[in-house]
Structure formats: C-alpha cells, structure tokens
C-alpha cells in the first residue's frame, strides 16, 4: 500500500507544511520509477507536489555499482513525518527495493529530507536528514527545486552550504545535471 491511511475529510483543517523528498536509484529504469513514485505522492491525501528538480547523475557514495540518478521533490502536505516515511518505504517496496546489505544498489531510494521546520531524532527518522548538506546529489537538486517557489522554504535553503561549498561538493563528488524532470504537476 503506497497511500497513507488517513481520512481525507479530517485533513481539510490541518495546516500544510513544506516537506522535501529525495529520490534516487541506480538499478533498472530509475527515471520511470521516480515518475511513478511522484505520481503516487501527488495523490496522497492532503498532499501535492509543488516542484521537482532536474535529474542529476552521480557516482555511488560509500558504495559500488552503477551511477545514480537523483532528484528532489518539494511537497506541501498535511501528513506527519512518520506517515510520509511509512508511505515512502512502501513505495520503495512496490518498486522492487531490496536491502540485502548496507549501501546496496537500489531500484528506488526515497528519503524524507525535511518536514517543515521539524527537528526530530527517533529510532526510525531524523529530521532534517542528517547528511543532506554533505551530499551534492541532495544539495544541488534541493536548491533547484526550492528556487522555483518564490521564497517558500528559505529556512531549508539557509541550512545548505553556500555557493562556493556547493560548487566544491559538486566537483568533489562528480555530480552532473542530466535533464529536466520528465513530468509536471497540475497545481
């Protein structure tokens, strides 16, 4: 099941927050899986996709295997962070994600990067994502996706490295922008 179990009418009065989701993968047709996963996210109750970055290619970090394709989606949602996490994990399973060992290649990898200004550290979820500012494959697409929102998400941007540090991360980690994301969302 990839849709959170939440009653839609109960969400009408719930305030929305900006939540950012990292997407990646390096096995099979990753681009098609990302499109399908974001379509599912856009249909979650109380949720809509606001912006999606371009696709970026990068070598695996702390792992071996084929290059990754990565992107970041910015959503507006009434769902809580744990509801989103459970739904993201279910989407990964729906798309054949296996976890045979730490840093194994994957068909689809979905990470909740931030949920509003929530700071959270539980056994299953840490927000903001603890390594997002260290990884060019998150920082560059996140900056791109947030830039289209006219000032929304400025607190998220403030937590990212400055332009010189982003450029150095991109150079050191060998990330390249591939193309625009192959789908748009009706807002």
N, C-alpha and C. Protein backbone atom coordinates (compact mmCIF):
# COMPACT_ATOMS: atom_id res chain seq x y z
N UNK A 1 0.85 -1.17 0.00
CA UNK A 1 0.00 0.00 0.00
C UNK A 1 0.89 1.23 0.00
N UNK A 2 0.68 2.14 -0.92
CA UNK A 2 1.53 3.32 -1.03
C UNK A 2 0.82 4.61 -0.63
N UNK A 3 -0.43 4.53 -0.28
CA UNK A 3 -1.15 5.74 0.11
C UNK A 3 -1.38 5.71 1.62
N UNK A 4 -1.04 6.80 2.32
CA UNK A 4 -1.22 6.83 3.76
C UNK A 4 -2.68 6.58 4.13
N UNK A 5 -2.85 5.87 5.22
CA UNK A 5 -4.20 5.59 5.71
C UNK A 5 -4.68 6.76 6.56
N UNK A 6 -5.19 7.76 5.90
CA UNK A 6 -5.67 8.97 6.57
C UNK A 6 -7.00 9.34 5.95
N UNK A 7 -7.95 9.72 6.76
CA UNK A 7 -9.24 10.15 6.23
C UNK A 7 -9.10 11.53 5.63
N UNK A 8 -9.45 11.67 4.36
CA UNK A 8 -9.27 12.93 3.63
C UNK A 8 -10.02 14.08 4.27
N UNK A 9 -11.26 13.85 4.71
CA UNK A 9 -12.03 14.96 5.28
C UNK A 9 -11.39 15.47 6.58
N UNK A 10 -10.69 14.61 7.29
CA UNK A 10 -10.02 15.03 8.51
C UNK A 10 -8.83 15.95 8.21
N UNK A 11 -8.32 15.92 7.00
CA UNK A 11 -7.16 16.73 6.64
C UNK A 11 -7.51 18.15 6.20
N UNK A 12 -8.77 18.43 5.94
CA UNK A 12 -9.13 19.73 5.40
C UNK A 12 -8.74 20.88 6.33
N UNK A 13 -8.80 20.68 7.62
CA UNK A 13 -8.49 21.75 8.57
C UNK A 13 -7.04 21.71 9.05
N UNK A 14 -6.28 20.72 8.63
CA UNK A 14 -4.91 20.57 9.09
C UNK A 14 -3.99 21.51 8.31
N UNK A 15 -3.14 22.27 8.99
CA UNK A 15 -2.20 23.14 8.28
C UNK A 15 -1.23 22.32 7.43
N UNK A 16 -0.79 22.92 6.34
CA UNK A 16 0.15 22.27 5.44
C UNK A 16 1.56 22.73 5.77
N UNK A 17 2.52 21.83 5.57
CA UNK A 17 3.93 22.17 5.71
C UNK A 17 4.65 21.80 4.42
N UNK A 18 5.78 22.42 4.20
CA UNK A 18 6.63 22.06 3.07
C UNK A 18 7.50 20.90 3.50
N UNK A 19 7.45 19.82 2.74
CA UNK A 19 8.28 18.64 3.00
C UNK A 19 9.05 18.31 1.73
N UNK A 20 10.32 18.01 1.89
CA UNK A 20 11.18 17.71 0.73
C UNK A 20 11.54 16.23 0.73
N UNK A 21 11.49 15.65 -0.45
CA UNK A 21 11.75 14.22 -0.62
C UNK A 21 12.88 14.05 -1.63
N UNK A 22 13.90 13.30 -1.23
CA UNK A 22 14.99 12.94 -2.13
C UNK A 22 14.63 11.65 -2.85
N UNK A 23 14.90 11.61 -4.15
CA UNK A 23 14.62 10.43 -4.96
C UNK A 23 15.92 9.98 -5.62
N UNK A 24 16.13 8.70 -5.70
CA UNK A 24 17.32 8.19 -6.36
C UNK A 24 17.18 6.72 -6.69
N UNK A 25 18.15 6.23 -7.39
CA UNK A 25 18.22 4.82 -7.72
C UNK A 25 19.32 4.59 -8.74
N UNK A 26 19.76 3.33 -8.83
CA UNK A 26 20.80 3.01 -9.80
C UNK A 26 20.64 1.63 -10.43
N UNK A 27 19.45 1.05 -10.34
CA UNK A 27 19.17 -0.24 -10.97
C UNK A 27 17.92 -0.15 -11.82
N UNK A 28 18.01 -0.58 -13.07
CA UNK A 28 16.83 -0.61 -13.93
C UNK A 28 16.42 0.77 -14.41
N UNK A 29 15.14 0.91 -14.72
CA UNK A 29 14.60 2.17 -15.26
C UNK A 29 14.25 3.11 -14.11
N UNK A 30 15.26 3.73 -13.54
CA UNK A 30 15.10 4.59 -12.37
C UNK A 30 14.19 5.78 -12.68
N UNK A 31 14.37 6.36 -13.84
CA UNK A 31 13.56 7.54 -14.20
C UNK A 31 12.08 7.20 -14.20
N UNK A 32 11.70 6.07 -14.77
CA UNK A 32 10.30 5.66 -14.79
C UNK A 32 9.79 5.41 -13.38
N UNK A 33 10.62 4.84 -12.52
CA UNK A 33 10.20 4.60 -11.13
C UNK A 33 10.01 5.91 -10.38
N UNK A 34 10.89 6.88 -10.63
CA UNK A 34 10.73 8.18 -9.98
C UNK A 34 9.43 8.85 -10.40
N UNK A 35 9.13 8.79 -11.69
CA UNK A 35 7.88 9.39 -12.20
C UNK A 35 6.68 8.72 -11.53
N UNK A 36 6.69 7.39 -11.46
CA UNK A 36 5.58 6.67 -10.84
C UNK A 36 5.46 7.00 -9.36
N UNK A 37 6.60 7.07 -8.66
CA UNK A 37 6.58 7.36 -7.23
C UNK A 37 6.04 8.77 -6.97
N UNK A 38 6.47 9.74 -7.76
CA UNK A 38 5.98 11.11 -7.55
C UNK A 38 4.50 11.24 -7.91
N UNK A 39 4.05 10.48 -8.90
CA UNK A 39 2.62 10.46 -9.18
C UNK A 39 1.84 9.96 -7.98
N UNK A 40 2.36 8.93 -7.32
CA UNK A 40 1.71 8.40 -6.12
C UNK A 40 1.73 9.42 -4.98
N UNK A 41 2.87 10.08 -4.78
CA UNK A 41 2.97 11.10 -3.71
C UNK A 41 1.96 12.21 -3.96
N UNK A 42 1.84 12.64 -5.20
CA UNK A 42 0.92 13.73 -5.55
C UNK A 42 -0.54 13.35 -5.26
N UNK A 43 -0.84 12.06 -5.22
CA UNK A 43 -2.21 11.60 -4.93
C UNK A 43 -2.44 11.30 -3.46
N UNK A 44 -1.44 11.42 -2.61
CA UNK A 44 -1.64 11.20 -1.19
C UNK A 44 -2.64 12.22 -0.66
N UNK A 45 -3.44 11.84 0.33
CA UNK A 45 -4.38 12.78 0.92
C UNK A 45 -3.67 14.00 1.51
N UNK A 46 -4.21 15.17 1.26
CA UNK A 46 -3.65 16.39 1.83
C UNK A 46 -2.27 16.75 1.34
N UNK A 47 -1.89 16.25 0.18
CA UNK A 47 -0.52 16.44 -0.32
C UNK A 47 -0.55 16.83 -1.79
N UNK A 48 0.37 17.71 -2.16
CA UNK A 48 0.57 18.00 -3.58
C UNK A 48 2.05 18.28 -3.81
N UNK A 49 2.53 17.89 -4.98
CA UNK A 49 3.90 18.16 -5.36
C UNK A 49 3.95 19.58 -5.89
N UNK A 50 4.83 20.40 -5.32
CA UNK A 50 4.95 21.79 -5.73
C UNK A 50 6.03 21.98 -6.79
N UNK A 51 7.12 21.24 -6.66
CA UNK A 51 8.27 21.45 -7.53
C UNK A 51 9.13 20.20 -7.54
N UNK A 52 9.76 19.95 -8.69
CA UNK A 52 10.69 18.83 -8.82
C UNK A 52 11.94 19.35 -9.53
N UNK A 53 13.09 18.96 -9.02
CA UNK A 53 14.35 19.37 -9.63
C UNK A 53 14.58 18.62 -10.93
N UNK A 54 15.62 19.00 -11.60
CA UNK A 54 16.13 18.22 -12.73
C UNK A 54 16.67 16.90 -12.20
N UNK A 55 16.99 16.01 -13.13
CA UNK A 55 17.67 14.76 -12.77
C UNK A 55 19.17 15.02 -12.74
N UNK A 56 19.84 14.45 -11.75
CA UNK A 56 21.28 14.59 -11.60
C UNK A 56 21.90 13.19 -11.56
N UNK A 57 23.06 13.06 -12.15
CA UNK A 57 23.79 11.78 -12.15
C UNK A 57 24.99 11.92 -11.21
N UNK A 58 25.20 10.86 -10.42
CA UNK A 58 26.35 10.86 -9.51
C UNK A 58 26.84 9.44 -9.29
N UNK A 59 28.11 9.36 -8.95
CA UNK A 59 28.69 8.06 -8.58
C UNK A 59 28.16 7.67 -7.21
N UNK A 60 28.09 6.38 -6.92
CA UNK A 60 27.64 5.95 -5.58
C UNK A 60 28.56 6.52 -4.49
N UNK A 61 27.97 6.89 -3.36
CA UNK A 61 28.72 7.38 -2.21
C UNK A 61 28.81 6.23 -1.21
N UNK A 62 30.01 5.91 -0.78
CA UNK A 62 30.25 4.82 0.19
C UNK A 62 29.72 3.48 -0.32
N UNK A 63 29.74 3.27 -1.65
CA UNK A 63 29.20 2.04 -2.22
C UNK A 63 29.81 1.83 -3.61
N UNK A 64 29.48 0.70 -4.18
CA UNK A 64 29.88 0.40 -5.55
C UNK A 64 28.61 0.23 -6.38
N UNK A 65 28.80 0.05 -7.68
CA UNK A 65 27.64 -0.16 -8.56
C UNK A 65 27.53 0.94 -9.58
N UNK A 66 26.48 0.88 -10.40
CA UNK A 66 26.28 1.89 -11.44
C UNK A 66 26.02 3.27 -10.84
N UNK A 67 26.18 4.29 -11.67
CA UNK A 67 25.87 5.66 -11.26
C UNK A 67 24.40 5.76 -10.85
N UNK A 68 24.12 6.72 -9.99
CA UNK A 68 22.76 7.01 -9.54
C UNK A 68 22.15 8.14 -10.36
N UNK A 69 20.85 8.09 -10.51
CA UNK A 69 20.06 9.25 -10.92
C UNK A 69 19.40 9.75 -9.65
N UNK A 70 19.39 11.07 -9.46
CA UNK A 70 18.81 11.67 -8.27
C UNK A 70 17.97 12.88 -8.63
N UNK A 71 17.02 13.19 -7.77
CA UNK A 71 16.19 14.39 -7.91
C UNK A 71 15.64 14.71 -6.52
N UNK A 72 15.05 15.89 -6.39
CA UNK A 72 14.37 16.27 -5.15
C UNK A 72 13.01 16.84 -5.52
N UNK A 73 12.00 16.43 -4.77
CA UNK A 73 10.65 16.98 -4.92
C UNK A 73 10.30 17.76 -3.66
N UNK A 74 9.67 18.90 -3.87
CA UNK A 74 9.16 19.71 -2.77
C UNK A 74 7.65 19.55 -2.77
N UNK A 75 7.10 19.18 -1.62
CA UNK A 75 5.67 18.97 -1.50
C UNK A 75 5.09 19.92 -0.46
N UNK A 76 3.79 20.05 -0.50
CA UNK A 76 3.04 20.70 0.55
C UNK A 76 2.11 19.62 1.08
N UNK A 77 2.14 19.39 2.39
CA UNK A 77 1.39 18.25 2.92
C UNK A 77 0.80 18.52 4.30
N UNK A 78 -0.29 17.83 4.56
CA UNK A 78 -0.90 17.83 5.89
C UNK A 78 -0.49 16.58 6.66
N UNK A 79 0.23 15.68 6.00
CA UNK A 79 0.65 14.43 6.63
C UNK A 79 1.83 14.66 7.55
N UNK A 80 1.90 13.85 8.59
CA UNK A 80 3.01 13.92 9.52
C UNK A 80 4.24 13.22 8.98
N UNK A 81 5.40 13.48 9.55
CA UNK A 81 6.63 12.90 9.03
C UNK A 81 6.67 11.37 9.08
N UNK A 82 6.14 10.78 10.13
CA UNK A 82 6.16 9.31 10.20
C UNK A 82 5.20 8.69 9.19
N UNK A 83 4.06 9.34 8.93
CA UNK A 83 3.15 8.86 7.89
C UNK A 83 3.84 8.90 6.52
N UNK A 84 4.55 9.99 6.27
CA UNK A 84 5.26 10.10 5.00
C UNK A 84 6.35 9.04 4.91
N UNK A 85 7.12 8.86 5.95
CA UNK A 85 8.18 7.85 5.93
C UNK A 85 7.62 6.46 5.64
N UNK A 86 6.56 6.07 6.33
CA UNK A 86 5.95 4.75 6.08
C UNK A 86 5.51 4.62 4.63
N UNK A 87 4.94 5.67 4.09
CA UNK A 87 4.47 5.64 2.71
C UNK A 87 5.62 5.58 1.72
N UNK A 88 6.71 6.29 2.01
CA UNK A 88 7.88 6.24 1.13
C UNK A 88 8.50 4.84 1.13
N UNK A 89 8.59 4.23 2.29
CA UNK A 89 9.13 2.87 2.37
C UNK A 89 8.25 1.89 1.60
N UNK A 90 6.94 2.07 1.68
CA UNK A 90 6.02 1.20 0.93
C UNK A 90 6.19 1.40 -0.58
N UNK A 91 6.38 2.65 -1.01
CA UNK A 91 6.63 2.91 -2.43
C UNK A 91 7.91 2.24 -2.90
N UNK A 92 8.96 2.31 -2.08
CA UNK A 92 10.21 1.62 -2.44
C UNK A 92 9.96 0.13 -2.65
N UNK A 93 9.23 -0.49 -1.74
CA UNK A 93 8.93 -1.92 -1.87
C UNK A 93 8.10 -2.20 -3.12
N UNK A 94 7.14 -1.34 -3.40
CA UNK A 94 6.31 -1.50 -4.60
C UNK A 94 7.15 -1.48 -5.87
N UNK A 95 8.30 -0.84 -5.81
CA UNK A 95 9.18 -0.70 -6.97
C UNK A 95 10.40 -1.61 -6.88
N UNK A 96 10.29 -2.67 -6.09
CA UNK A 96 11.32 -3.70 -6.07
C UNK A 96 12.55 -3.41 -5.23
N UNK A 97 12.47 -2.46 -4.33
CA UNK A 97 13.63 -2.15 -3.48
C UNK A 97 13.93 -3.31 -2.56
N UNK A 98 15.17 -3.74 -2.56
CA UNK A 98 15.64 -4.76 -1.63
C UNK A 98 16.78 -4.18 -0.81
N UNK A 99 16.98 -4.71 0.37
CA UNK A 99 18.04 -4.22 1.26
C UNK A 99 18.91 -5.39 1.71
N UNK A 100 19.65 -6.00 0.76
CA UNK A 100 20.45 -7.17 1.14
C UNK A 100 21.65 -6.82 2.02
N UNK A 101 22.15 -5.57 1.91
CA UNK A 101 23.26 -5.10 2.74
C UNK A 101 23.28 -3.58 2.70
N UNK A 102 24.00 -2.99 3.65
CA UNK A 102 24.09 -1.53 3.76
C UNK A 102 24.70 -0.95 2.48
N UNK A 103 24.09 0.09 1.93
CA UNK A 103 24.54 0.77 0.72
C UNK A 103 24.45 -0.11 -0.53
N UNK A 104 23.55 -1.08 -0.53
CA UNK A 104 23.37 -1.92 -1.71
C UNK A 104 22.78 -1.09 -2.85
N UNK A 105 23.07 -1.43 -4.10
CA UNK A 105 22.40 -0.76 -5.22
C UNK A 105 20.89 -0.89 -5.05
N UNK A 106 20.14 0.05 -5.65
CA UNK A 106 18.69 0.05 -5.41
C UNK A 106 17.91 0.49 -6.64
N UNK A 107 16.72 -0.06 -6.74
CA UNK A 107 15.81 0.31 -7.82
C UNK A 107 15.19 1.67 -7.57
N UNK A 108 14.94 1.99 -6.31
CA UNK A 108 14.35 3.27 -5.93
C UNK A 108 14.70 3.55 -4.48
N UNK A 109 15.17 4.77 -4.23
CA UNK A 109 15.51 5.20 -2.88
C UNK A 109 14.77 6.50 -2.63
N UNK A 110 13.96 6.54 -1.60
CA UNK A 110 13.16 7.73 -1.26
C UNK A 110 13.48 8.13 0.17
N UNK A 111 13.91 9.38 0.35
CA UNK A 111 14.26 9.88 1.67
C UNK A 111 13.48 11.14 1.99
N UNK A 112 12.91 11.19 3.18
CA UNK A 112 12.30 12.42 3.67
C UNK A 112 13.45 13.29 4.18
N UNK A 113 13.69 14.40 3.49
CA UNK A 113 14.81 15.28 3.82
C UNK A 113 14.45 16.27 4.91
N UNK A 114 13.24 16.82 4.84
CA UNK A 114 12.78 17.76 5.86
C UNK A 114 11.26 17.80 5.83
N UNK A 115 10.71 18.22 6.94
CA UNK A 115 9.26 18.33 7.11
C UNK A 115 9.01 19.62 7.87
N UNK A 116 8.74 20.69 7.11
CA UNK A 116 8.62 22.00 7.73
C UNK A 116 9.91 22.33 8.45
N UNK A 117 9.78 22.88 9.65
CA UNK A 117 10.98 23.18 10.44
C UNK A 117 11.18 22.15 11.55
N UNK A 118 10.59 20.96 11.36
CA UNK A 118 10.68 19.91 12.38
C UNK A 118 12.13 19.47 12.60
N UNK A 119 12.46 19.34 13.86
CA UNK A 119 13.73 18.73 14.27
C UNK A 119 13.34 17.50 15.06
N UNK A 120 13.77 16.36 14.57
CA UNK A 120 13.29 15.09 15.10
C UNK A 120 14.44 14.09 15.10
N UNK A 121 14.54 13.30 16.15
CA UNK A 121 15.53 12.23 16.21
C UNK A 121 14.90 11.04 16.93
N UNK A 122 14.40 10.10 16.13
CA UNK A 122 13.82 8.88 16.69
C UNK A 122 14.61 7.70 16.15
N UNK A 123 14.23 6.52 16.57
CA UNK A 123 14.92 5.31 16.09
C UNK A 123 14.73 5.11 14.59
N UNK A 124 13.66 5.66 14.03
CA UNK A 124 13.38 5.42 12.61
C UNK A 124 13.52 6.65 11.72
N UNK A 125 13.60 7.84 12.31
CA UNK A 125 13.61 9.05 11.48
C UNK A 125 14.35 10.19 12.17
N UNK A 126 15.25 10.81 11.41
CA UNK A 126 15.95 12.01 11.87
C UNK A 126 15.68 13.12 10.87
N UNK A 127 15.20 14.26 11.38
CA UNK A 127 14.92 15.42 10.53
C UNK A 127 15.54 16.66 11.13
N UNK A 128 16.08 17.54 10.29
CA UNK A 128 16.31 17.32 8.88
C UNK A 128 17.25 16.13 8.67
N UNK A 129 17.26 15.61 7.44
CA UNK A 129 18.11 14.46 7.13
C UNK A 129 19.54 14.77 7.55
N UNK A 130 20.17 13.89 8.31
CA UNK A 130 21.47 14.23 8.91
C UNK A 130 22.63 14.43 7.93
N UNK A 131 22.54 13.89 6.72
CA UNK A 131 23.66 14.01 5.78
C UNK A 131 23.32 14.82 4.53
N UNK A 132 22.16 15.46 4.51
CA UNK A 132 21.76 16.12 3.26
C UNK A 132 22.71 17.24 2.85
N UNK A 133 23.26 17.99 3.78
CA UNK A 133 24.13 19.12 3.45
C UNK A 133 25.52 18.67 3.01
N UNK A 134 25.82 17.39 3.15
CA UNK A 134 27.14 16.86 2.77
C UNK A 134 27.13 16.20 1.40
N UNK A 135 25.98 16.09 0.79
CA UNK A 135 25.87 15.32 -0.45
C UNK A 135 25.36 16.19 -1.59
N UNK A 136 26.20 16.32 -2.59
CA UNK A 136 25.86 17.15 -3.75
C UNK A 136 24.61 16.65 -4.43
N UNK A 137 24.38 15.33 -4.44
CA UNK A 137 23.20 14.79 -5.11
C UNK A 137 21.91 15.14 -4.39
N UNK A 138 22.01 15.71 -3.19
CA UNK A 138 20.84 16.24 -2.48
C UNK A 138 20.85 17.77 -2.55
N UNK A 139 21.98 18.37 -2.25
CA UNK A 139 22.07 19.83 -2.14
C UNK A 139 21.70 20.53 -3.45
N UNK A 140 22.29 20.10 -4.57
CA UNK A 140 22.04 20.79 -5.83
C UNK A 140 20.59 20.66 -6.30
N UNK A 141 20.02 19.45 -6.32
CA UNK A 141 18.61 19.39 -6.71
C UNK A 141 17.66 20.04 -5.71
N UNK A 142 17.99 20.01 -4.43
CA UNK A 142 17.15 20.66 -3.43
C UNK A 142 17.14 22.17 -3.65
N UNK A 143 18.30 22.73 -3.87
CA UNK A 143 18.38 24.17 -4.15
C UNK A 143 17.57 24.51 -5.40
N UNK A 144 17.70 23.71 -6.44
CA UNK A 144 16.97 23.97 -7.69
C UNK A 144 15.46 23.89 -7.48
N UNK A 145 14.99 22.86 -6.79
CA UNK A 145 13.55 22.68 -6.58
C UNK A 145 12.97 23.80 -5.72
N UNK A 146 13.71 24.24 -4.71
CA UNK A 146 13.22 25.31 -3.84
C UNK A 146 13.24 26.67 -4.53
N UNK A 147 14.16 26.86 -5.46
CA UNK A 147 14.31 28.16 -6.13
C UNK A 147 13.07 28.58 -6.91
N UNK A 148 12.24 27.63 -7.29
CA UNK A 148 11.05 27.94 -8.08
C UNK A 148 9.85 28.34 -7.22
N UNK A 149 10.00 28.33 -5.91
CA UNK A 149 8.84 28.52 -5.03
C UNK A 149 8.69 29.93 -4.47
N UNK A 150 9.42 30.87 -5.00
CA UNK A 150 9.22 32.27 -4.61
C UNK A 150 9.37 32.54 -3.14
N UNK A 151 10.43 32.06 -2.52
CA UNK A 151 10.70 32.36 -1.12
C UNK A 151 10.23 31.32 -0.13
N UNK A 152 9.37 30.40 -0.54
CA UNK A 152 8.98 29.33 0.39
C UNK A 152 10.18 28.41 0.56
N UNK A 153 10.38 27.94 1.75
CA UNK A 153 11.50 27.03 2.00
C UNK A 153 12.82 27.74 2.24
N UNK A 154 12.78 29.03 2.57
CA UNK A 154 14.02 29.76 2.78
C UNK A 154 14.80 29.24 3.99
N UNK A 155 14.11 28.73 4.99
CA UNK A 155 14.82 28.16 6.15
C UNK A 155 15.59 26.91 5.74
N UNK A 156 15.03 26.15 4.82
CA UNK A 156 15.72 24.96 4.33
C UNK A 156 16.97 25.38 3.57
N UNK A 157 16.83 26.37 2.69
CA UNK A 157 17.97 26.86 1.92
C UNK A 157 19.06 27.41 2.83
N UNK A 158 18.68 28.07 3.91
CA UNK A 158 19.65 28.65 4.83
C UNK A 158 20.51 27.58 5.49
N UNK A 159 20.00 26.36 5.60
CA UNK A 159 20.74 25.27 6.23
C UNK A 159 21.72 24.60 5.26
N UNK A 160 21.67 24.96 3.98
CA UNK A 160 22.54 24.35 2.99
C UNK A 160 23.87 25.09 2.89
N UNK A 161 24.89 24.42 2.38
CA UNK A 161 26.18 25.10 2.20
C UNK A 161 26.04 26.29 1.25
N UNK A 162 26.96 27.26 1.36
CA UNK A 162 26.94 28.42 0.47
C UNK A 162 27.35 28.00 -0.95
N UNK A 163 27.27 28.96 -1.88
CA UNK A 163 27.50 28.65 -3.30
C UNK A 163 28.88 28.05 -3.55
N UNK A 164 29.92 28.57 -2.91
CA UNK A 164 31.27 28.04 -3.10
C UNK A 164 31.37 26.61 -2.59
N UNK A 165 30.78 26.33 -1.44
CA UNK A 165 30.82 24.98 -0.89
C UNK A 165 29.99 24.01 -1.75
N UNK A 166 28.87 24.49 -2.29
CA UNK A 166 28.07 23.63 -3.18
C UNK A 166 28.86 23.28 -4.43
N UNK A 167 29.55 24.26 -5.00
CA UNK A 167 30.36 24.01 -6.19
C UNK A 167 31.48 23.02 -5.89
N UNK A 168 32.10 23.13 -4.73
CA UNK A 168 33.16 22.20 -4.35
C UNK A 168 32.60 20.80 -4.13
N UNK A 169 31.43 20.69 -3.49
CA UNK A 169 30.79 19.39 -3.32
C UNK A 169 30.52 18.74 -4.68
N UNK A 170 29.97 19.52 -5.60
CA UNK A 170 29.65 19.00 -6.94
C UNK A 170 30.92 18.53 -7.64
N UNK A 171 31.99 19.30 -7.55
CA UNK A 171 33.25 18.92 -8.19
C UNK A 171 33.81 17.66 -7.54
N UNK A 172 33.89 17.65 -6.22
CA UNK A 172 34.49 16.53 -5.49
C UNK A 172 33.68 15.24 -5.66
N UNK A 173 32.36 15.36 -5.76
CA UNK A 173 31.51 14.17 -5.84
C UNK A 173 31.12 13.83 -7.26
N UNK A 174 31.56 14.62 -8.22
CA UNK A 174 31.34 14.29 -9.63
C UNK A 174 29.88 14.26 -10.06
N UNK A 175 29.08 15.18 -9.57
CA UNK A 175 27.66 15.20 -9.93
C UNK A 175 27.47 16.03 -11.20
N UNK A 176 26.57 15.58 -12.05
CA UNK A 176 26.24 16.33 -13.26
C UNK A 176 24.73 16.41 -13.42
N UNK A 177 24.27 17.56 -13.91
CA UNK A 177 22.85 17.74 -14.20
C UNK A 177 22.57 17.04 -15.52
N UNK A 178 21.58 16.16 -15.54
CA UNK A 178 21.26 15.38 -16.73
C UNK A 178 20.22 16.08 -17.60
N UNK A 179 19.04 16.29 -17.05
CA UNK A 179 17.94 16.87 -17.82
C UNK A 179 16.84 17.28 -16.86
N UNK A 180 15.88 18.03 -17.37
CA UNK A 180 14.72 18.39 -16.56
C UNK A 180 13.92 17.15 -16.20
N UNK A 181 13.16 17.24 -15.12
CA UNK A 181 12.34 16.09 -14.71
C UNK A 181 11.25 15.87 -15.74
N UNK A 182 11.01 14.62 -16.12
CA UNK A 182 10.11 14.34 -17.24
C UNK A 182 8.62 14.38 -16.93
N UNK A 183 8.22 15.16 -15.94
CA UNK A 183 6.79 15.23 -15.64
C UNK A 183 6.51 16.53 -14.92
N UNK A 184 5.29 17.03 -15.08
CA UNK A 184 4.86 18.21 -14.37
C UNK A 184 3.60 17.87 -13.60
N UNK A 185 3.25 18.73 -12.67
CA UNK A 185 2.08 18.50 -11.82
C UNK A 185 1.15 19.68 -11.92
N UNK A 186 -0.14 19.39 -12.04
CA UNK A 186 -1.14 20.45 -12.03
C UNK A 186 -1.28 20.97 -10.62
N UNK A 187 -1.09 22.26 -10.44
CA UNK A 187 -1.16 22.84 -9.09
C UNK A 187 -2.48 23.51 -8.85
